[in-house]
mmCIF file of all heavy atoms, coordinates in Angstrom:
data_MODEL
# 
_entry.id   MODEL 
# 
loop_
_atom_site.group_PDB 
_atom_site.id 
_atom_site.type_symbol 
_atom_site.label_atom_id 
_atom_site.label_alt_id 
_atom_site.label_comp_id 
_atom_site.label_asym_id 
_atom_site.label_entity_id 
_atom_site.label_seq_id 
_atom_site.pdbx_PDB_ins_code 
_atom_site.Cartn_x 
_atom_site.Cartn_y 
_atom_site.Cartn_z 
_atom_site.occupancy 
_atom_site.B_iso_or_equiv 
_atom_site.pdbx_formal_charge 
_atom_site.auth_seq_id 
_atom_site.auth_comp_id 
_atom_site.auth_asym_id 
_atom_site.auth_atom_id 
_atom_site.pdbx_PDB_model_num 
ATOM 1   N N   . SER A 1 1  ? -10.311 16.477  -3.484  1.00 0.00 ? 1  SER A N   1 
ATOM 2   C CA  . SER A 1 1  ? -10.741 15.165  -3.163  1.00 0.00 ? 1  SER A CA  1 
ATOM 3   C C   . SER A 1 1  ? -11.957 15.223  -2.219  1.00 0.00 ? 1  SER A C   1 
ATOM 4   O O   . SER A 1 1  ? -11.904 15.879  -1.123  1.00 0.00 ? 1  SER A O   1 
ATOM 5   C CB  . SER A 1 1  ? -9.682  14.272  -2.449  1.00 0.00 ? 1  SER A CB  1 
ATOM 6   O OG  . SER A 1 1  ? -10.192 13.026  -2.035  1.00 0.00 ? 1  SER A OG  1 
ATOM 7   N N   . PRO A 1 2  ? -13.091 14.572  -2.543  1.00 0.00 ? 2  PRO A N   1 
ATOM 8   C CA  . PRO A 1 2  ? -14.260 14.697  -1.697  1.00 0.00 ? 2  PRO A CA  1 
ATOM 9   C C   . PRO A 1 2  ? -14.097 13.961  -0.407  1.00 0.00 ? 2  PRO A C   1 
ATOM 10  O O   . PRO A 1 2  ? -14.913 14.198  0.527   1.00 0.00 ? 2  PRO A O   1 
ATOM 11  C CB  . PRO A 1 2  ? -15.354 14.011  -2.584  1.00 0.00 ? 2  PRO A CB  1 
ATOM 12  C CG  . PRO A 1 2  ? -14.694 13.124  -3.498  1.00 0.00 ? 2  PRO A CG  1 
ATOM 13  C CD  . PRO A 1 2  ? -13.357 13.805  -3.773  1.00 0.00 ? 2  PRO A CD  1 
ATOM 14  N N   . SER A 1 3  ? -13.106 13.086  -0.226  1.00 0.00 ? 3  SER A N   1 
ATOM 15  C CA  . SER A 1 3  ? -12.935 12.349  0.970   1.00 0.00 ? 3  SER A CA  1 
ATOM 16  C C   . SER A 1 3  ? -11.486 12.508  1.428   1.00 0.00 ? 3  SER A C   1 
ATOM 17  O O   . SER A 1 3  ? -10.788 11.538  1.741   1.00 0.00 ? 3  SER A O   1 
ATOM 18  C CB  . SER A 1 3  ? -13.292 10.871  0.786   1.00 0.00 ? 3  SER A CB  1 
ATOM 19  O OG  . SER A 1 3  ? -14.572 10.739  0.410   1.00 0.00 ? 3  SER A OG  1 
ATOM 20  N N   . SER A 1 4  ? -10.978 13.763  1.345   1.00 0.00 ? 4  SER A N   1 
ATOM 21  C CA  . SER A 1 4  ? -9.540  14.003  1.564   1.00 0.00 ? 4  SER A CA  1 
ATOM 22  C C   . SER A 1 4  ? -9.047  13.364  2.902   1.00 0.00 ? 4  SER A C   1 
ATOM 23  O O   . SER A 1 4  ? -9.651  13.516  3.923   1.00 0.00 ? 4  SER A O   1 
ATOM 24  C CB  . SER A 1 4  ? -9.339  15.538  1.630   1.00 0.00 ? 4  SER A CB  1 
ATOM 25  O OG  . SER A 1 4  ? -7.914  15.840  1.738   1.00 0.00 ? 4  SER A OG  1 
ATOM 26  N N   . GLY A 1 5  ? -7.901  12.599  2.760   1.00 0.00 ? 5  GLY A N   1 
ATOM 27  C CA  . GLY A 1 5  ? -7.275  12.091  3.927   1.00 0.00 ? 5  GLY A CA  1 
ATOM 28  C C   . GLY A 1 5  ? -7.824  10.684  4.254   1.00 0.00 ? 5  GLY A C   1 
ATOM 29  O O   . GLY A 1 5  ? -7.241  10.011  5.130   1.00 0.00 ? 5  GLY A O   1 
ATOM 30  N N   . ASP A 1 6  ? -8.903  10.218  3.628   1.00 0.00 ? 6  ASP A N   1 
ATOM 31  C CA  . ASP A 1 6  ? -9.453  8.912   3.996   1.00 0.00 ? 6  ASP A CA  1 
ATOM 32  C C   . ASP A 1 6  ? -9.012  7.766   3.089   1.00 0.00 ? 6  ASP A C   1 
ATOM 33  O O   . ASP A 1 6  ? -9.389  6.604   3.310   1.00 0.00 ? 6  ASP A O   1 
ATOM 34  C CB  . ASP A 1 6  ? -11.025 9.024   3.940   1.00 0.00 ? 6  ASP A CB  1 
ATOM 35  C CG  . ASP A 1 6  ? -11.523 9.951   5.035   1.00 0.00 ? 6  ASP A CG  1 
ATOM 36  O OD1 . ASP A 1 6  ? -10.892 10.066  6.078   1.00 0.00 ? 6  ASP A OD1 1 
ATOM 37  O OD2 . ASP A 1 6  ? -12.632 10.492  4.817   1.00 0.00 ? 6  ASP A OD2 1 
ATOM 38  N N   . GLY A 1 7  ? -8.206  8.058   2.038   1.00 0.00 ? 7  GLY A N   1 
ATOM 39  C CA  . GLY A 1 7  ? -7.760  6.989   1.172   1.00 0.00 ? 7  GLY A CA  1 
ATOM 40  C C   . GLY A 1 7  ? -6.758  6.078   1.803   1.00 0.00 ? 7  GLY A C   1 
ATOM 41  O O   . GLY A 1 7  ? -5.849  6.565   2.582   1.00 0.00 ? 7  GLY A O   1 
ATOM 42  N N   . VAL A 1 8  ? -6.840  4.797   1.514   1.00 0.00 ? 8  VAL A N   1 
ATOM 43  C CA  . VAL A 1 8  ? -5.832  3.888   2.068   1.00 0.00 ? 8  VAL A CA  1 
ATOM 44  C C   . VAL A 1 8  ? -4.504  4.179   1.362   1.00 0.00 ? 8  VAL A C   1 
ATOM 45  O O   . VAL A 1 8  ? -4.455  4.259   0.162   1.00 0.00 ? 8  VAL A O   1 
ATOM 46  C CB  . VAL A 1 8  ? -6.332  2.441   1.846   1.00 0.00 ? 8  VAL A CB  1 
ATOM 47  C CG1 . VAL A 1 8  ? -5.225  1.450   2.210   1.00 0.00 ? 8  VAL A CG1 1 
ATOM 48  C CG2 . VAL A 1 8  ? -7.576  2.125   2.635   1.00 0.00 ? 8  VAL A CG2 1 
ATOM 49  N N   . PRO A 1 9  ? -3.462  4.404   2.140   1.00 0.00 ? 9  PRO A N   1 
ATOM 50  C CA  . PRO A 1 9  ? -2.196  4.696   1.531   1.00 0.00 ? 9  PRO A CA  1 
ATOM 51  C C   . PRO A 1 9  ? -1.588  3.576   0.709   1.00 0.00 ? 9  PRO A C   1 
ATOM 52  O O   . PRO A 1 9  ? -1.920  2.361   0.994   1.00 0.00 ? 9  PRO A O   1 
ATOM 53  C CB  . PRO A 1 9  ? -1.217  5.063   2.650   1.00 0.00 ? 9  PRO A CB  1 
ATOM 54  C CG  . PRO A 1 9  ? -1.844  4.364   3.864   1.00 0.00 ? 9  PRO A CG  1 
ATOM 55  C CD  . PRO A 1 9  ? -3.315  4.359   3.623   1.00 0.00 ? 9  PRO A CD  1 
ATOM 56  N N   . LEU A 1 10 ? -0.865  3.873   -0.342  1.00 0.00 ? 10 LEU A N   1 
ATOM 57  C CA  . LEU A 1 10 ? -0.161  2.842   -1.116  1.00 0.00 ? 10 LEU A CA  1 
ATOM 58  C C   . LEU A 1 10 ? 0.700   1.973   -0.222  1.00 0.00 ? 10 LEU A C   1 
ATOM 59  O O   . LEU A 1 10 ? 1.533   2.453   0.500   1.00 0.00 ? 10 LEU A O   1 
ATOM 60  C CB  . LEU A 1 10 ? 0.636   3.505   -2.217  1.00 0.00 ? 10 LEU A CB  1 
ATOM 61  C CG  . LEU A 1 10 ? 1.582   2.605   -3.048  1.00 0.00 ? 10 LEU A CG  1 
ATOM 62  C CD1 . LEU A 1 10 ? 0.759   1.510   -3.753  1.00 0.00 ? 10 LEU A CD1 1 
ATOM 63  C CD2 . LEU A 1 10 ? 2.448   3.375   -3.974  1.00 0.00 ? 10 LEU A CD2 1 
ATOM 64  N N   . ASP A 1 11 ? 0.555   0.667   -0.358  1.00 0.00 ? 11 ASP A N   1 
ATOM 65  C CA  . ASP A 1 11 ? 1.345   -0.260  0.412   1.00 0.00 ? 11 ASP A CA  1 
ATOM 66  C C   . ASP A 1 11 ? 2.064   -1.169  -0.625  1.00 0.00 ? 11 ASP A C   1 
ATOM 67  O O   . ASP A 1 11 ? 1.462   -1.952  -1.215  1.00 0.00 ? 11 ASP A O   1 
ATOM 68  C CB  . ASP A 1 11 ? 0.436   -1.151  1.373   1.00 0.00 ? 11 ASP A CB  1 
ATOM 69  C CG  . ASP A 1 11 ? 1.180   -2.068  2.171   1.00 0.00 ? 11 ASP A CG  1 
ATOM 70  O OD1 . ASP A 1 11 ? 2.465   -2.292  1.949   1.00 0.00 ? 11 ASP A OD1 1 
ATOM 71  O OD2 . ASP A 1 11 ? 0.646   -2.697  3.054   1.00 0.00 ? 11 ASP A OD2 1 
ATOM 72  N N   . PRO A 1 12 ? 3.376   -1.019  -0.729  1.00 0.00 ? 12 PRO A N   1 
ATOM 73  C CA  . PRO A 1 12 ? 4.163   -1.812  -1.705  1.00 0.00 ? 12 PRO A CA  1 
ATOM 74  C C   . PRO A 1 12 ? 4.016   -3.264  -1.509  1.00 0.00 ? 12 PRO A C   1 
ATOM 75  O O   . PRO A 1 12 ? 4.066   -4.083  -2.448  1.00 0.00 ? 12 PRO A O   1 
ATOM 76  C CB  . PRO A 1 12 ? 5.541   -1.353  -1.571  1.00 0.00 ? 12 PRO A CB  1 
ATOM 77  C CG  . PRO A 1 12 ? 5.495   0.026   -0.969  1.00 0.00 ? 12 PRO A CG  1 
ATOM 78  C CD  . PRO A 1 12 ? 4.231   0.030   -0.061  1.00 0.00 ? 12 PRO A CD  1 
ATOM 79  N N   . THR A 1 13 ? 3.811   -3.704  -0.238  1.00 0.00 ? 13 THR A N   1 
ATOM 80  C CA  . THR A 1 13 ? 3.700   -5.150  0.047   1.00 0.00 ? 13 THR A CA  1 
ATOM 81  C C   . THR A 1 13 ? 2.374   -5.714  -0.452  1.00 0.00 ? 13 THR A C   1 
ATOM 82  O O   . THR A 1 13 ? 2.140   -6.985  -0.386  1.00 0.00 ? 13 THR A O   1 
ATOM 83  C CB  . THR A 1 13 ? 3.781   -5.439  1.584   1.00 0.00 ? 13 THR A CB  1 
ATOM 84  O OG1 . THR A 1 13 ? 2.589   -4.960  2.242   1.00 0.00 ? 13 THR A OG1 1 
ATOM 85  C CG2 . THR A 1 13 ? 5.052   -4.722  2.139   1.00 0.00 ? 13 THR A CG2 1 
ATOM 86  N N   . ARG A 1 14 ? 1.497   -4.876  -0.975  1.00 0.00 ? 14 ARG A N   1 
ATOM 87  C CA  . ARG A 1 14 ? 0.263   -5.322  -1.571  1.00 0.00 ? 14 ARG A CA  1 
ATOM 88  C C   . ARG A 1 14 ? 0.160   -4.923  -3.025  1.00 0.00 ? 14 ARG A C   1 
ATOM 89  O O   . ARG A 1 14 ? -0.915  -5.068  -3.616  1.00 0.00 ? 14 ARG A O   1 
ATOM 90  C CB  . ARG A 1 14 ? -0.982  -4.741  -0.789  1.00 0.00 ? 14 ARG A CB  1 
ATOM 91  C CG  . ARG A 1 14 ? -1.286  -5.473  0.489   1.00 0.00 ? 14 ARG A CG  1 
ATOM 92  C CD  . ARG A 1 14 ? -2.651  -5.263  1.019   1.00 0.00 ? 14 ARG A CD  1 
ATOM 93  N NE  . ARG A 1 14 ? -3.009  -6.024  2.205   1.00 0.00 ? 14 ARG A NE  1 
ATOM 94  C CZ  . ARG A 1 14 ? -3.439  -7.291  2.203   1.00 0.00 ? 14 ARG A CZ  1 
ATOM 95  N NH1 . ARG A 1 14 ? -3.493  -7.935  1.048   1.00 0.00 ? 14 ARG A NH1 1 
ATOM 96  N NH2 . ARG A 1 14 ? -3.759  -7.897  3.274   1.00 0.00 ? 14 ARG A NH2 1 
ATOM 97  N N   . SER A 1 15 ? 1.222   -4.512  -3.675  1.00 0.00 ? 15 SER A N   1 
ATOM 98  C CA  . SER A 1 15 ? 1.284   -4.227  -5.067  1.00 0.00 ? 15 SER A CA  1 
ATOM 99  C C   . SER A 1 15 ? 1.932   -5.320  -5.875  1.00 0.00 ? 15 SER A C   1 
ATOM 100 O O   . SER A 1 15 ? 3.043   -5.730  -5.578  1.00 0.00 ? 15 SER A O   1 
ATOM 101 C CB  . SER A 1 15 ? 1.953   -2.907  -5.362  1.00 0.00 ? 15 SER A CB  1 
ATOM 102 O OG  . SER A 1 15 ? 2.253   -2.735  -6.763  1.00 0.00 ? 15 SER A OG  1 
ATOM 103 N N   . LEU A 1 16 ? 1.177   -5.841  -6.803  1.00 0.00 ? 16 LEU A N   1 
ATOM 104 C CA  . LEU A 1 16 ? 1.718   -6.942  -7.692  1.00 0.00 ? 16 LEU A CA  1 
ATOM 105 C C   . LEU A 1 16 ? 2.944   -6.447  -8.481  1.00 0.00 ? 16 LEU A C   1 
ATOM 106 O O   . LEU A 1 16 ? 3.698   -7.288  -8.999  1.00 0.00 ? 16 LEU A O   1 
ATOM 107 C CB  . LEU A 1 16 ? 0.671   -7.329  -8.672  1.00 0.00 ? 16 LEU A CB  1 
ATOM 108 C CG  . LEU A 1 16 ? -0.512  -8.125  -8.063  1.00 0.00 ? 16 LEU A CG  1 
ATOM 109 C CD1 . LEU A 1 16 ? -1.610  -8.314  -9.188  1.00 0.00 ? 16 LEU A CD1 1 
ATOM 110 C CD2 . LEU A 1 16 ? -0.102  -9.509  -7.579  1.00 0.00 ? 16 LEU A CD2 1 
ATOM 111 N N   . LEU A 1 17 ? 3.201   -5.194  -8.570  1.00 0.00 ? 17 LEU A N   1 
ATOM 112 C CA  . LEU A 1 17 ? 4.347   -4.607  -9.275  1.00 0.00 ? 17 LEU A CA  1 
ATOM 113 C C   . LEU A 1 17 ? 5.529   -4.472  -8.431  1.00 0.00 ? 17 LEU A C   1 
ATOM 114 O O   . LEU A 1 17 ? 6.678   -4.129  -8.962  1.00 0.00 ? 17 LEU A O   1 
ATOM 115 C CB  . LEU A 1 17 ? 4.021   -3.240  -9.848  1.00 0.00 ? 17 LEU A CB  1 
ATOM 116 C CG  . LEU A 1 17 ? 2.642   -3.105  -10.664 1.00 0.00 ? 17 LEU A CG  1 
ATOM 117 C CD1 . LEU A 1 17 ? 2.446   -1.767  -11.169 1.00 0.00 ? 17 LEU A CD1 1 
ATOM 118 C CD2 . LEU A 1 17 ? 2.617   -4.167  -11.734 1.00 0.00 ? 17 LEU A CD2 1 
ATOM 119 N N   . SER A 1 18 ? 5.478   -4.721  -7.172  1.00 0.00 ? 18 SER A N   1 
ATOM 120 C CA  . SER A 1 18 ? 6.547   -4.439  -6.208  1.00 0.00 ? 18 SER A CA  1 
ATOM 121 C C   . SER A 1 18 ? 7.400   -5.647  -5.851  1.00 0.00 ? 18 SER A C   1 
ATOM 122 O O   . SER A 1 18 ? 6.776   -6.793  -5.709  1.00 0.00 ? 18 SER A O   1 
ATOM 123 C CB  . SER A 1 18 ? 6.026   -3.862  -4.915  1.00 0.00 ? 18 SER A CB  1 
ATOM 124 O OG  . SER A 1 18 ? 6.974   -3.771  -3.876  1.00 0.00 ? 18 SER A OG  1 
ATOM 125 N N   . GLU A 1 19 ? 8.598   -5.498  -5.673  1.00 0.00 ? 19 GLU A N   1 
ATOM 126 C CA  . GLU A 1 19 ? 9.491   -6.639  -5.193  1.00 0.00 ? 19 GLU A CA  1 
ATOM 127 C C   . GLU A 1 19 ? 9.198   -7.028  -3.820  1.00 0.00 ? 19 GLU A C   1 
ATOM 128 O O   . GLU A 1 19 ? 9.573   -8.104  -3.307  1.00 0.00 ? 19 GLU A O   1 
ATOM 129 C CB  . GLU A 1 19 ? 11.010  -6.276  -5.322  1.00 0.00 ? 19 GLU A CB  1 
ATOM 130 C CG  . GLU A 1 19 ? 11.430  -6.118  -6.840  1.00 0.00 ? 19 GLU A CG  1 
ATOM 131 C CD  . GLU A 1 19 ? 12.913  -5.747  -6.967  1.00 0.00 ? 19 GLU A CD  1 
ATOM 132 O OE1 . GLU A 1 19 ? 13.569  -5.568  -5.890  1.00 0.00 ? 19 GLU A OE1 1 
ATOM 133 O OE2 . GLU A 1 19 ? 13.432  -5.660  -8.026  1.00 0.00 ? 19 GLU A OE2 1 
ATOM 134 N N   . GLU A 1 20 ? 8.492   -6.050  -3.079  1.00 0.00 ? 20 GLU A N   1 
ATOM 135 C CA  . GLU A 1 20 ? 8.139   -6.330  -1.669  1.00 0.00 ? 20 GLU A CA  1 
ATOM 136 C C   . GLU A 1 20 ? 6.782   -7.047  -1.566  1.00 0.00 ? 20 GLU A C   1 
ATOM 137 O O   . GLU A 1 20 ? 6.280   -7.190  -0.383  1.00 0.00 ? 20 GLU A O   1 
ATOM 138 C CB  . GLU A 1 20 ? 8.085   -5.046  -0.937  1.00 0.00 ? 20 GLU A CB  1 
ATOM 139 C CG  . GLU A 1 20 ? 9.362   -4.228  -0.941  1.00 0.00 ? 20 GLU A CG  1 
ATOM 140 C CD  . GLU A 1 20 ? 9.160   -2.826  -0.321  1.00 0.00 ? 20 GLU A CD  1 
ATOM 141 O OE1 . GLU A 1 20 ? 8.744   -2.826  0.815   1.00 0.00 ? 20 GLU A OE1 1 
ATOM 142 O OE2 . GLU A 1 20 ? 9.340   -1.875  -1.043  1.00 0.00 ? 20 GLU A OE2 1 
ATOM 143 N N   . TYR A 1 21 ? 6.191   -7.450  -2.653  1.00 0.00 ? 21 TYR A N   1 
ATOM 144 C CA  . TYR A 1 21 ? 4.812   -8.004  -2.594  1.00 0.00 ? 21 TYR A CA  1 
ATOM 145 C C   . TYR A 1 21 ? 4.737   -9.143  -1.554  1.00 0.00 ? 21 TYR A C   1 
ATOM 146 O O   . TYR A 1 21 ? 5.449   -10.127 -1.625  1.00 0.00 ? 21 TYR A O   1 
ATOM 147 C CB  . TYR A 1 21 ? 4.400   -8.523  -3.951  1.00 0.00 ? 21 TYR A CB  1 
ATOM 148 C CG  . TYR A 1 21 ? 2.998   -8.966  -4.041  1.00 0.00 ? 21 TYR A CG  1 
ATOM 149 C CD1 . TYR A 1 21 ? 1.956   -8.114  -3.687  1.00 0.00 ? 21 TYR A CD1 1 
ATOM 150 C CD2 . TYR A 1 21 ? 2.705   -10.287 -4.328  1.00 0.00 ? 21 TYR A CD2 1 
ATOM 151 C CE1 . TYR A 1 21 ? 0.601   -8.557  -3.691  1.00 0.00 ? 21 TYR A CE1 1 
ATOM 152 C CE2 . TYR A 1 21 ? 1.360   -10.736 -4.368  1.00 0.00 ? 21 TYR A CE2 1 
ATOM 153 C CZ  . TYR A 1 21 ? 0.342   -9.891  -4.069  1.00 0.00 ? 21 TYR A CZ  1 
ATOM 154 O OH  . TYR A 1 21 ? -0.953  -10.324 -4.101  1.00 0.00 ? 21 TYR A OH  1 
ATOM 155 N N   . ARG A 1 22 ? 3.769   -8.991  -0.628  1.00 0.00 ? 22 ARG A N   1 
ATOM 156 C CA  . ARG A 1 22 ? 3.378   -9.930  0.421   1.00 0.00 ? 22 ARG A CA  1 
ATOM 157 C C   . ARG A 1 22 ? 4.477   -10.120 1.402   1.00 0.00 ? 22 ARG A C   1 
ATOM 158 O O   . ARG A 1 22 ? 4.379   -10.969 2.283   1.00 0.00 ? 22 ARG A O   1 
ATOM 159 C CB  . ARG A 1 22 ? 2.966   -11.291 -0.178  1.00 0.00 ? 22 ARG A CB  1 
ATOM 160 C CG  . ARG A 1 22 ? 1.914   -11.236 -1.308  1.00 0.00 ? 22 ARG A CG  1 
ATOM 161 C CD  . ARG A 1 22 ? 0.561   -10.851 -0.766  1.00 0.00 ? 22 ARG A CD  1 
ATOM 162 N NE  . ARG A 1 22 ? -0.071  -11.846 0.093   1.00 0.00 ? 22 ARG A NE  1 
ATOM 163 C CZ  . ARG A 1 22 ? -1.319  -11.760 0.520   1.00 0.00 ? 22 ARG A CZ  1 
ATOM 164 N NH1 . ARG A 1 22 ? -2.014  -10.685 0.169   1.00 0.00 ? 22 ARG A NH1 1 
ATOM 165 N NH2 . ARG A 1 22 ? -1.805  -12.646 1.301   1.00 0.00 ? 22 ARG A NH2 1 
ATOM 166 N N   . ALA A 1 23 ? 5.553   -9.188  1.423   1.00 0.00 ? 23 ALA A N   1 
ATOM 167 C CA  . ALA A 1 23 ? 6.560   -9.253  2.465   1.00 0.00 ? 23 ALA A CA  1 
ATOM 168 C C   . ALA A 1 23 ? 6.098   -8.297  3.589   1.00 0.00 ? 23 ALA A C   1 
ATOM 169 O O   . ALA A 1 23 ? 6.608   -7.170  3.662   1.00 0.00 ? 23 ALA A O   1 
ATOM 170 C CB  . ALA A 1 23 ? 7.889   -8.866  1.882   1.00 0.00 ? 23 ALA A CB  1 
ATOM 171 N N   . PHE A 1 24 ? 5.257   -8.752  4.403   1.00 0.00 ? 24 PHE A N   1 
ATOM 172 C CA  . PHE A 1 24 ? 4.503   -7.908  5.368   1.00 0.00 ? 24 PHE A CA  1 
ATOM 173 C C   . PHE A 1 24 ? 5.384   -7.508  6.597   1.00 0.00 ? 24 PHE A C   1 
ATOM 174 O O   . PHE A 1 24 ? 4.925   -6.686  7.364   1.00 0.00 ? 24 PHE A O   1 
ATOM 175 C CB  . PHE A 1 24 ? 3.295   -8.595  5.835   1.00 0.00 ? 24 PHE A CB  1 
ATOM 176 C CG  . PHE A 1 24 ? 2.238   -8.841  4.715   1.00 0.00 ? 24 PHE A CG  1 
ATOM 177 C CD1 . PHE A 1 24 ? 1.401   -10.001 4.766   1.00 0.00 ? 24 PHE A CD1 1 
ATOM 178 C CD2 . PHE A 1 24 ? 2.130   -8.032  3.633   1.00 0.00 ? 24 PHE A CD2 1 
ATOM 179 C CE1 . PHE A 1 24 ? 0.532   -10.238 3.770   1.00 0.00 ? 24 PHE A CE1 1 
ATOM 180 C CE2 . PHE A 1 24 ? 1.216   -8.238  2.662   1.00 0.00 ? 24 PHE A CE2 1 
ATOM 181 C CZ  . PHE A 1 24 ? 0.358   -9.342  2.717   1.00 0.00 ? 24 PHE A CZ  1 
ATOM 182 N N   . ASP A 1 25 ? 6.514   -8.014  6.726   1.00 0.00 ? 25 ASP A N   1 
ATOM 183 C CA  . ASP A 1 25 ? 7.288   -7.826  7.980   1.00 0.00 ? 25 ASP A CA  1 
ATOM 184 C C   . ASP A 1 25 ? 7.552   -6.360  8.338   1.00 0.00 ? 25 ASP A C   1 
ATOM 185 O O   . ASP A 1 25 ? 7.632   -5.980  9.426   1.00 0.00 ? 25 ASP A O   1 
ATOM 186 C CB  . ASP A 1 25 ? 8.603   -8.661  7.936   1.00 0.00 ? 25 ASP A CB  1 
ATOM 187 C CG  . ASP A 1 25 ? 8.337   -10.109 7.780   1.00 0.00 ? 25 ASP A CG  1 
ATOM 188 O OD1 . ASP A 1 25 ? 8.063   -10.520 6.573   1.00 0.00 ? 25 ASP A OD1 1 
ATOM 189 O OD2 . ASP A 1 25 ? 8.464   -10.883 8.718   1.00 0.00 ? 25 ASP A OD2 1 
ATOM 190 N N   . GLY A 1 26 ? 7.740   -5.571  7.242   1.00 0.00 ? 26 GLY A N   1 
ATOM 191 C CA  . GLY A 1 26 ? 8.088   -4.177  7.498   1.00 0.00 ? 26 GLY A CA  1 
ATOM 192 C C   . GLY A 1 26 ? 6.932   -3.242  7.549   1.00 0.00 ? 26 GLY A C   1 
ATOM 193 O O   . GLY A 1 26 ? 7.129   -1.992  7.612   1.00 0.00 ? 26 GLY A O   1 
ATOM 194 N N   . VAL A 1 27 ? 5.672   -3.727  7.499   1.00 0.00 ? 27 VAL A N   1 
ATOM 195 C CA  . VAL A 1 27 ? 4.529   -2.807  7.532   1.00 0.00 ? 27 VAL A CA  1 
ATOM 196 C C   . VAL A 1 27 ? 4.374   -2.236  8.954   1.00 0.00 ? 27 VAL A C   1 
ATOM 197 O O   . VAL A 1 27 ? 4.324   -2.952  9.880   1.00 0.00 ? 27 VAL A O   1 
ATOM 198 C CB  . VAL A 1 27 ? 3.293   -3.643  7.129   1.00 0.00 ? 27 VAL A CB  1 
ATOM 199 C CG1 . VAL A 1 27 ? 2.048   -2.732  7.224   1.00 0.00 ? 27 VAL A CG1 1 
ATOM 200 C CG2 . VAL A 1 27 ? 3.422   -4.150  5.711   1.00 0.00 ? 27 VAL A CG2 1 
# 
């Protein structure tokens, strides 16, 4: 990866596929 370590990690509360979508309390 040309920018190793700089990618924003996957956040299930921002995935439309997740049951946690927009449930930000646990972030």
